[in-house]
Amino acid sequence: MRMMFVTLKEKRAILNSFNDVVEVKDDNNIFSYYLTGENTHKLIAKGFNEGGDGYIYCKNYNDYNKNKNGWIDVKDFTANEIRELLGNTISSNLH
């Protein structure tokens, strides 16, 4: 059985539910997310659009299939997988 596709609206709600994460929308309706806080301003998620694409940075974890720069394509992730990955990314960038 195939998992239900997580919509852009749902992905945005997950990403925006984290403290210290700021959403930025460009002219092409593509969303990026920055971790902001004390001494921190780092791009942690990018490329989120209506087509389902989106990438989360998580270079320090080997549990995910990532590209050579540490970006993980979350197009087919469940809501819980996105939430867990983003939590890992935030934790690794705050400590």
Protein backbone atom coordinates (compact mmCIF):
# COMPACT_ATOMS: atom_id res chain seq x y z
CA MET A 1 0.00 0.00 0.00
CA ARG A 2 1.39 3.38 -1.02
CA MET A 3 1.66 6.14 1.58
CA MET A 4 -0.39 9.24 1.03
CA PHE A 5 1.47 12.14 -0.53
CA VAL A 6 2.21 14.91 1.96
CA THR A 7 1.02 18.15 0.38
CA LEU A 8 3.02 21.36 0.29
CA LYS A 9 0.58 22.87 2.77
CA GLU A 10 1.18 19.98 5.19
CA LYS A 11 4.97 20.14 4.73
CA ARG A 12 4.94 23.88 5.38
CA ALA A 13 2.89 23.38 8.54
CA ILE A 14 5.43 20.82 9.80
CA LEU A 15 8.41 23.03 9.01
CA ASN A 16 6.78 26.10 10.54
CA SER A 17 5.86 24.21 13.72
CA PHE A 18 9.49 24.24 14.89
CA ASN A 19 10.77 27.11 17.02
CA ASP A 20 13.57 29.17 15.50
CA VAL A 21 12.66 28.13 11.92
CA VAL A 22 11.82 30.97 9.54
CA GLU A 23 10.09 30.47 6.19
CA VAL A 24 11.13 32.46 3.11
CA LYS A 25 9.14 32.37 -0.15
CA ASP A 26 10.74 33.40 -3.43
CA ASP A 27 9.07 34.88 -6.53
CA ASN A 28 8.42 31.38 -7.94
CA ASN A 29 6.44 30.22 -4.88
CA ILE A 30 9.33 28.04 -3.70
CA PHE A 31 9.87 27.91 0.04
CA SER A 32 13.14 27.77 1.98
CA TYR A 33 13.65 27.53 5.73
CA TYR A 34 16.34 29.03 7.92
CA LEU A 35 17.30 28.13 11.43
CA THR A 36 17.61 31.36 13.35
CA GLY A 37 18.52 31.85 16.94
CA GLU A 38 21.37 32.90 19.12
CA ASN A 39 24.45 33.04 16.84
CA THR A 40 22.64 30.98 14.16
CA HIS A 41 21.26 31.76 10.71
CA LYS A 42 21.57 28.69 8.52
CA LEU A 43 19.65 27.32 5.54
CA ILE A 44 18.24 23.95 6.68
CA ALA A 45 15.48 23.23 4.12
CA LYS A 46 14.98 24.36 0.53
CA GLY A 47 13.10 23.85 -2.71
CA PHE A 48 9.65 23.13 -1.29
CA ASN A 49 7.04 23.58 -4.04
CA GLU A 50 3.64 22.37 -5.29
CA GLY A 51 5.30 19.53 -7.23
CA GLY A 52 6.19 17.86 -3.95
CA ASP A 53 9.90 18.57 -4.08
CA GLY A 54 11.82 19.65 -1.03
CA TYR A 55 15.18 19.05 0.60
CA ILE A 56 16.31 19.06 4.21
CA TYR A 57 19.96 19.39 5.20
CA CYS A 58 21.20 16.60 7.44
CA LYS A 59 24.85 15.92 6.68
CA ASN A 60 25.67 14.48 10.12
CA TYR A 61 23.28 11.51 9.95
CA ASN A 62 23.78 8.34 7.92
CA ASP A 63 20.23 7.00 8.33
CA TYR A 64 19.04 8.84 5.23
CA ASN A 65 19.82 8.73 1.52
CA LYS A 66 21.46 12.10 0.91
CA ASN A 67 23.44 13.72 -1.87
CA LYS A 68 27.13 14.56 -1.52
CA ASN A 69 26.30 17.97 -0.03
CA GLY A 70 24.10 16.55 2.73
CA TRP A 71 20.67 17.38 1.26
CA ILE A 72 17.92 14.78 1.57
CA ASP A 73 15.01 14.70 -0.89
CA VAL A 74 11.83 14.42 1.21
CA LYS A 75 9.36 14.24 -1.69
CA ASP A 76 8.16 10.76 -0.70
CA PHE A 77 8.60 11.09 3.08
CA THR A 78 5.67 10.76 5.45
CA ALA A 79 4.77 13.62 7.76
CA ASN A 80 6.39 11.79 10.69
CA GLU A 81 9.60 11.17 8.72
CA ILE A 82 9.83 14.86 7.79
CA ARG A 83 9.25 15.88 11.41
CA GLU A 84 11.91 13.44 12.67
CA LEU A 85 14.48 14.47 10.06
CA LEU A 86 13.96 18.17 10.70
CA GLY A 87 14.24 17.59 14.45
CA ASN A 88 17.58 15.83 13.88
CA THR A 89 18.78 18.65 11.65
CA ILE A 90 17.86 21.31 14.20
CA SER A 91 19.45 19.40 17.07
CA SER A 92 22.70 18.88 15.18
CA ASN A 93 22.90 22.57 14.26
CA LEU A 94 22.18 23.90 17.74
CA HIS A 95 24.79 21.82 19.59
